[in-house]
C-alpha atoms as a PDB file:
ATOM      1  CA  MET A   1       9.833 -59.970  -4.142  1.00  0.00           C
ATOM      2  CA  ARG A   2       6.256 -58.750  -3.939  1.00  0.00           C
ATOM      3  CA  ARG A   3       7.147 -56.732  -0.838  1.00  0.00           C
ATOM      4  CA  SER A   4      10.017 -55.045  -2.724  1.00  0.00           C
ATOM      5  CA  GLN A   5       7.751 -54.220  -5.646  1.00  0.00           C
ATOM      6  CA  THR A   6       5.158 -52.769  -3.276  1.00  0.00           C
ATOM      7  CA  HIS A   7       7.764 -50.590  -1.589  1.00  0.00           C
ATOM      8  CA  LEU A   8       9.000 -49.403  -4.987  1.00  0.00           C
ATOM      9  CA  LEU A   9       5.478 -48.476  -6.105  1.00  0.00           C
ATOM     10  CA  LEU A  10       4.836 -46.590  -2.874  1.00  0.00           C
ATOM     11  CA  ALA A  11       8.083 -44.684  -3.299  1.00  0.00           C
ATOM     12  CA  CYS A  12       7.143 -43.695  -6.858  1.00  0.00           C
ATOM     13  CA  PHE A  13       3.702 -42.482  -5.779  1.00  0.00           C
ATOM     14  CA  SER A  14       5.277 -40.521  -2.941  1.00  0.00           C
ATOM     15  CA  ILE A  15       7.534 -38.692  -5.372  1.00  0.00           C
ATOM     16  CA  LEU A  16       4.631 -37.942  -7.702  1.00  0.00           C
ATOM     17  CA  PHE A  17       2.607 -36.332  -4.933  1.00  0.00           C
ATOM     18  CA  LEU A  18       5.327 -34.347  -3.245  1.00  0.00           C
ATOM     19  CA  PRO A  19       4.266 -30.697  -2.861  1.00  0.00           C
ATOM     20  CA  VAL A  20       5.682 -28.450  -5.535  1.00  0.00           C
ATOM     21  CA  SER A  21       7.134 -25.182  -4.283  1.00  0.00           C
ATOM     22  CA  ALA A  22       5.844 -21.987  -5.842  1.00  0.00           C
ATOM     23  CA  PRO A  23       8.334 -20.291  -8.146  1.00  0.00           C
ATOM     24  CA  ALA A  24      10.519 -17.851  -6.249  1.00  0.00           C
ATOM     25  CA  SER A  25       9.742 -14.212  -6.920  1.00  0.00           C
ATOM     26  CA  SER A  26      12.443 -11.789  -7.952  1.00  0.00           C
ATOM     27  CA  PRO A  27      14.861 -10.566  -5.270  1.00  0.00           C
ATOM     28  CA  ILE A  28      13.405  -7.050  -5.253  1.00  0.00           C
ATOM     29  CA  LEU A  29       9.852  -8.329  -4.749  1.00  0.00           C
ATOM     30  CA  GLU A  30      11.045 -10.563  -1.922  1.00  0.00           C
ATOM     31  CA  THR A  31      12.656  -7.537  -0.286  1.00  0.00           C
ATOM     32  CA  CYS A  32       9.499  -5.431  -0.655  1.00  0.00           C
ATOM     33  CA  ALA A  33       7.354  -8.257   0.727  1.00  0.00           C
ATOM     34  CA  GLU A  34       9.311  -8.264   3.993  1.00  0.00           C
ATOM     35  CA  CYS A  35       7.518  -5.033   4.935  1.00  0.00           C
ATOM     36  CA  HIS A  36       4.607  -4.670   2.498  1.00  0.00           C
ATOM     37  CA  GLY A  37       3.650  -8.341   2.388  1.00  0.00           C
ATOM     38  CA  VAL A  38       3.340 -10.617  -0.626  1.00  0.00           C
ATOM     39  CA  ASP A  39      -0.236  -9.396  -1.087  1.00  0.00           C
ATOM     40  CA  GLY A  40       0.574  -5.715  -0.493  1.00  0.00           C
ATOM     41  CA  MET A  41      -1.513  -5.638   2.687  1.00  0.00           C
ATOM     42  CA  GLY A  42       1.510  -5.232   4.922  1.00  0.00           C
ATOM     43  CA  GLN A  43       3.059  -7.139   7.786  1.00  0.00           C
ATOM     44  CA  GLY A  44       1.390  -5.185  10.582  1.00  0.00           C
ATOM     45  CA  LEU A  45       4.031  -2.451  10.762  1.00  0.00           C
ATOM     46  CA  ALA A  46       2.344   0.817  11.713  1.00  0.00           C
ATOM     47  CA  MET A  47       4.460   3.086   9.510  1.00  0.00           C
ATOM     48  CA  VAL A  48       4.419   0.869   6.429  1.00  0.00           C
ATOM     49  CA  PRO A  49       1.535   1.624   4.052  1.00  0.00           C
ATOM     50  CA  LEU A  50      -0.781  -0.868   2.436  1.00  0.00           C
ATOM     51  CA  ILE A  51       0.025  -0.732  -1.283  1.00  0.00           C
ATOM     52  CA  ALA A  52      -2.184  -3.443  -2.757  1.00  0.00           C
ATOM     53  CA  GLY A  53      -4.314  -2.207  -5.628  1.00  0.00           C
ATOM     54  CA  ILE A  54      -2.651   1.188  -5.980  1.00  0.00           C
ATOM     55  CA  PRO A  55      -2.332   1.993  -9.700  1.00  0.00           C
ATOM     56  CA  ALA A  56       1.168   1.285 -11.032  1.00  0.00           C
ATOM     57  CA  GLU A  57       1.782   4.898 -12.061  1.00  0.00           C
ATOM     58  CA  HIS A  58       1.149   6.071  -8.500  1.00  0.00           C
ATOM     59  CA  ILE A  59       3.473   3.431  -7.028  1.00  0.00           C
ATOM     60  CA  GLU A  60       6.217   4.426  -9.458  1.00  0.00           C
ATOM     61  CA  ASP A  61       5.769   8.104  -8.562  1.00  0.00           C
ATOM     62  CA  ALA A  62       5.926   7.281  -4.842  1.00  0.00           C
ATOM     63  CA  ILE A  63       9.132   5.243  -5.222  1.00  0.00           C
ATOM     64  CA  LEU A  64      10.788   7.977  -7.280  1.00  0.00           C
ATOM     65  CA  SER A  65       9.706  10.564  -4.694  1.00  0.00           C
ATOM     66  CA  TYR A  66      11.726   8.660  -2.103  1.00  0.00           C
ATOM     67  CA  VAL A  67      14.671   8.420  -4.478  1.00  0.00           C
ATOM     68  CA  ASP A  68      14.554  12.164  -5.207  1.00  0.00           C
ATOM     69  CA  GLY A  69      14.125  13.149  -1.565  1.00  0.00           C
ATOM     70  CA  VAL A  70      10.640  14.578  -2.071  1.00  0.00           C
ATOM     71  CA  ARG A  71       9.565  12.034   0.540  1.00  0.00           C
ATOM     72  CA  ARG A  72      11.843  11.465   3.539  1.00  0.00           C
ATOM     73  CA  CYS A  73      12.134   8.180   5.397  1.00  0.00           C
ATOM     74  CA  THR A  74      11.815   9.639   8.878  1.00  0.00           C
ATOM     75  CA  HIS A  75      10.282   6.496  10.418  1.00  0.00           C
ATOM     76  CA  GLU A  76      11.278   3.723   8.013  1.00  0.00           C
ATOM     77  CA  PRO A  77      14.852   4.412   6.778  1.00  0.00           C
ATOM     78  CA  ARG A  78      14.946   1.007   5.121  1.00  0.00           C
ATOM     79  CA  MET A  79      12.575   2.269   2.449  1.00  0.00           C
ATOM     80  CA  CYS A  80      15.025   4.883   1.214  1.00  0.00           C
ATOM     81  CA  GLU A  81      17.907   2.431   1.461  1.00  0.00           C
ATOM     82  CA  THR A  82      16.004  -0.134  -0.603  1.00  0.00           C
ATOM     83  CA  VAL A  83      14.821   2.109  -3.434  1.00  0.00           C
ATOM     84  CA  ALA A  84      18.068   4.089  -3.801  1.00  0.00           C
ATOM     85  CA  SER A  85      19.676   1.566  -6.133  1.00  0.00           C
ATOM     86  CA  LEU A  86      16.615   0.335  -8.044  1.00  0.00           C
ATOM     87  CA  SER A  87      16.737   0.318 -11.814  1.00  0.00           C
ATOM     88  CA  GLU A  88      13.846   1.650 -13.887  1.00  0.00           C
ATOM     89  CA  SER A  89      12.821  -1.890 -14.768  1.00  0.00           C
ATOM     90  CA  GLU A  90      12.770  -2.921 -11.094  1.00  0.00           C
ATOM     91  CA  VAL A  91      10.632   0.092 -10.184  1.00  0.00           C
ATOM     92  CA  ALA A  92       8.213  -0.873 -12.959  1.00  0.00           C
ATOM     93  CA  GLU A  93       8.218  -4.512 -11.833  1.00  0.00           C
ATOM     94  CA  VAL A  94       7.331  -3.623  -8.237  1.00  0.00           C
ATOM     95  CA  ALA A  95       4.660  -1.156  -9.363  1.00  0.00           C
ATOM     96  CA  GLU A  96       2.962  -3.589 -11.738  1.00  0.00           C
ATOM     97  CA  TYR A  97       3.097  -6.423  -9.228  1.00  0.00           C
ATOM     98  CA  TYR A  98       1.427  -4.575  -6.363  1.00  0.00           C
ATOM     99  CA  ALA A  99      -1.004  -2.764  -8.662  1.00  0.00           C
ATOM    100  CA  GLY A 100      -2.308  -6.203  -9.592  1.00  0.00           C
ATOM    101  CA  LYS A 101      -3.125  -7.103  -5.990  1.00  0.00           C
ATOM    102  CA  THR A 102      -6.541  -6.522  -4.430  1.00  0.00           C
ATOM    103  CA  ARG A 103      -6.890  -3.801  -1.805  1.00  0.00           C
ATOM    104  CA  GLY A 104      -8.609  -5.211   1.234  1.00  0.00           C
ATOM    105  CA  ALA A 105      -9.682  -3.463   4.416  1.00  0.00           C
ATOM    106  CA  SER A 106      -7.124  -2.563   7.059  1.00  0.00           C
ATOM    107  CA  ALA A 107      -9.337  -4.368   9.610  1.00  0.00           C
ATOM    108  CA  GLU A 108      -8.669  -1.638  12.151  1.00  0.00           C
ATOM    109  CA  GLU A 109     -11.330  -0.425  14.546  1.00  0.00           C
ATOM    110  CA  THR A 110     -12.723   2.999  13.698  1.00  0.00           C
ATOM    111  CA  ASP A 111     -14.993   5.536  15.335  1.00  0.00           C
ATOM    112  CA  GLY A 112     -18.242   5.630  13.358  1.00  0.00           C
ATOM    113  CA  GLU A 113     -19.090   9.197  14.324  1.00  0.00           C
ATOM    114  CA  LEU A 114     -15.630  10.442  13.410  1.00  0.00           C
ATOM    115  CA  ALA A 115     -15.780   8.481  10.150  1.00  0.00           C
ATOM    116  CA  SER A 116     -19.024  10.271   9.233  1.00  0.00           C
ATOM    117  CA  GLN A 117     -17.397  13.623   9.968  1.00  0.00           C
ATOM    118  CA  GLY A 118     -14.393  12.510   7.956  1.00  0.00           C
ATOM    119  CA  GLU A 119     -16.563  11.716   4.957  1.00  0.00           C
ATOM    120  CA  ARG A 120     -17.741  15.328   4.928  1.00  0.00           C
ATOM    121  CA  VAL A 121     -14.141  16.555   5.191  1.00  0.00           C
ATOM    122  CA  TYR A 122     -13.150  14.179   2.389  1.00  0.00           C
ATOM    123  CA  ASN A 123     -15.917  15.387   0.100  1.00  0.00           C
ATOM    124  CA  GLU A 124     -14.958  18.985   0.762  1.00  0.00           C
ATOM    125  CA  HIS A 125     -11.174  18.752   0.557  1.00  0.00           C
ATOM    126  CA  CYS A 126      -9.976  15.424  -0.879  1.00  0.00           C
ATOM    127  CA  SER A 127     -12.474  13.772  -3.215  1.00  0.00           C
ATOM    128  CA  ALA A 128     -11.416  15.675  -6.344  1.00  0.00           C
ATOM    129  CA  CYS A 129      -8.029  13.913  -6.333  1.00  0.00           C
ATOM    130  CA  HIS A 130      -8.283  10.814  -4.095  1.00  0.00           C
ATOM    131  CA  VAL A 131     -10.823   8.179  -5.138  1.00  0.00           C
ATOM    132  CA  SER A 132     -11.338   4.686  -3.729  1.00  0.00           C
ATOM    133  CA  PRO A 133      -9.115   1.841  -4.996  1.00  0.00           C
ATOM    134  CA  ASP A 134     -12.054   0.070  -6.645  1.00  0.00           C
ATOM    135  CA  SER A 135     -13.147   3.165  -8.577  1.00  0.00           C
ATOM    136  CA  GLU A 136     -12.845   3.072 -12.357  1.00  0.00           C
ATOM    137  CA  GLU A 137     -11.175   6.473 -12.068  1.00  0.00           C
ATOM    138  CA  ALA A 138      -8.387   5.305  -9.711  1.00  0.00           C
ATOM    139  CA  ALA A 139      -5.770   4.913 -12.434  1.00  0.00           C
ATOM    140  CA  TYR A 140      -6.446   8.414 -13.752  1.00  0.00           C
ATOM    141  CA  ALA A 141      -6.874  10.252 -10.447  1.00  0.00           C
ATOM    142  CA  VAL A 142      -4.272  12.818  -9.401  1.00  0.00           C
ATOM    143  CA  GLY A 143      -3.795  11.325  -5.925  1.00  0.00           C
ATOM    144  CA  ILE A 144      -3.060   7.879  -4.549  1.00  0.00           C
ATOM    145  CA  PRO A 145      -6.123   5.976  -3.251  1.00  0.00           C
ATOM    146  CA  LEU A 146      -6.192   6.398   0.535  1.00  0.00           C
ATOM    147  CA  HIS A 147      -9.296   4.369   1.337  1.00  0.00           C
ATOM    148  CA  GLY A 148      -8.443   1.369   3.518  1.00  0.00           C
ATOM    149  CA  GLN A 149      -5.020   2.722   4.460  1.00  0.00           C
ATOM    150  CA  ARG A 150      -3.539   2.055   7.893  1.00  0.00           C
ATOM    151  CA  ALA A 151      -4.548   4.766  10.407  1.00  0.00           C
ATOM    152  CA  ASP A 152      -1.099   5.385  11.896  1.00  0.00           C
ATOM    153  CA  TYR A 153       0.419   5.724   8.459  1.00  0.00           C
ATOM    154  CA  LEU A 154      -2.287   8.148   7.331  1.00  0.00           C
ATOM    155  CA  ARG A 155      -1.664  10.388  10.352  1.00  0.00           C
ATOM    156  CA  TYR A 156       2.063  10.292   9.714  1.00  0.00           C
ATOM    157  CA  ALA A 157       1.703  11.064   5.996  1.00  0.00           C
ATOM    158  CA  ILE A 158      -0.681  13.996   6.495  1.00  0.00           C
ATOM    159  CA  ASP A 159       1.491  15.422   9.277  1.00  0.00           C
ATOM    160  CA  ALA A 160       4.578  14.998   7.075  1.00  0.00           C
ATOM    161  CA  TYR A 161       3.024  17.128   4.328  1.00  0.00           C
ATOM    162  CA  ILE A 162       1.994  19.784   6.821  1.00  0.00           C
ATOM    163  CA  SER A 163       5.400  19.854   8.550  1.00  0.00           C
ATOM    164  CA  GLY A 164       7.392  19.829   5.299  1.00  0.00           C
ATOM    165  CA  ASP A 165       8.924  16.352   5.698  1.00  0.00           C
ATOM    166  CA  ARG A 166       7.147  15.611   2.441  1.00  0.00           C
ATOM    167  CA  GLU A 167       7.065  18.090  -0.386  1.00  0.00           C
ATOM    168  CA  VAL A 168       3.589  19.098  -1.524  1.00  0.00           C
ATOM    169  CA  GLN A 169       3.755  18.645  -5.285  1.00  0.00           C
ATOM    170  CA  PHE A 170       0.435  20.240  -6.138  1.00  0.00           C
ATOM    171  CA  GLU A 171      -0.569  23.747  -5.111  1.00  0.00           C
ATOM    172  CA  ALA A 172      -4.184  22.667  -4.674  1.00  0.00           C
ATOM    173  CA  MET A 173      -3.165  20.026  -2.138  1.00  0.00           C
ATOM    174  CA  GLY A 174      -1.244  22.566  -0.066  1.00  0.00           C
ATOM    175  CA  GLN A 175      -4.257  24.843  -0.114  1.00  0.00           C
ATOM    176  CA  GLU A 176      -6.649  22.092   1.001  1.00  0.00           C
ATOM    177  CA  LEU A 177      -4.301  21.008   3.799  1.00  0.00           C
ATOM    178  CA  GLY A 178      -4.089  24.595   4.985  1.00  0.00           C
ATOM    179  CA  GLU A 179      -7.859  24.773   5.274  1.00  0.00           C
ATOM    180  CA  LEU A 180      -8.174  21.765   7.581  1.00  0.00           C
ATOM    181  CA  ARG A 181      -9.628  22.597  10.981  1.00  0.00           C
ATOM    182  CA  PRO A 182      -8.723  21.087  14.379  1.00  0.00           C
ATOM    183  CA  GLY A 183     -10.069  17.544  14.489  1.00  0.00           C
ATOM    184  CA  ASP A 184     -10.298  17.179  10.704  1.00  0.00           C
ATOM    185  CA  ILE A 185      -7.239  14.914  10.473  1.00  0.00           C
ATOM    186  CA  ASP A 186      -8.611  12.419  13.022  1.00  0.00           C
ATOM    187  CA  ALA A 187     -11.934  12.476  11.214  1.00  0.00           C
ATOM    188  CA  LEU A 188     -10.275  11.851   7.849  1.00  0.00           C
ATOM    189  CA  VAL A 189      -8.172   9.022   9.247  1.00  0.00           C
ATOM    190  CA  ASN A 190     -11.270   7.302  10.623  1.00  0.00           C
ATOM    191  CA  PHE A 191     -13.102   7.770   7.341  1.00  0.00           C
ATOM    192  CA  PHE A 192     -10.323   6.310   5.194  1.00  0.00           C
ATOM    193  CA  SER A 193      -9.661   3.451   7.633  1.00  0.00           C
ATOM    194  CA  SER A 194     -13.355   2.522   7.722  1.00  0.00           C
ATOM    195  CA  TYR A 195     -13.303   1.629   4.020  1.00  0.00           C
ATOM    196  CA  ARG A 196     -14.517  -1.826   3.109  1.00  0.00           C
ATOM    197  CA  PRO A 197     -14.021  -3.033  -0.479  1.00  0.00           C
ATOM    198  CA  ALA A 198     -17.044  -3.687  -2.657  1.00  0.00           C
ATOM    199  CA  ASP A 199     -18.121  -7.310  -2.877  1.00  0.00           C
END
């Protein structure tokens, strides 16, 4: 009898201390996380950007740019397929979710000398519109924060604007891109990728 009671008590305690699963996220967030990660820091895919900590308005604009064809999915067709049928509320949900995540560093190796050159290029051509993710001005800046972004994706995105695969929506941006000199893109990529968030 005592042995049965002991077994019963052990069974009850086992049930009490079973791990509780985290609530499942919405289907659209689960889909986004397959490429962008639950934390927005990606799954290691070169052509998938890190989107953690990007202000919600910028994420919404980016999604709608894919929907409208302003941005083309030349390397990641799944992106266009995924966003094509999103409702306004789903777009807002994704934007708010990833805006609430913390932008970390891409952890990629960078060339210190090129990064220093890139900082000068950034200050001359990019700083008026693109600020760091931890800046108080990030939510009000014209451009998406690029600091900490994956190097391969940065190269692709800049080249896409120059080649016309992405539509330049601001005249000033087209002008600044046109003024870049040979080597400036590599320098910029190293500068942005060398970003480390403030403690």
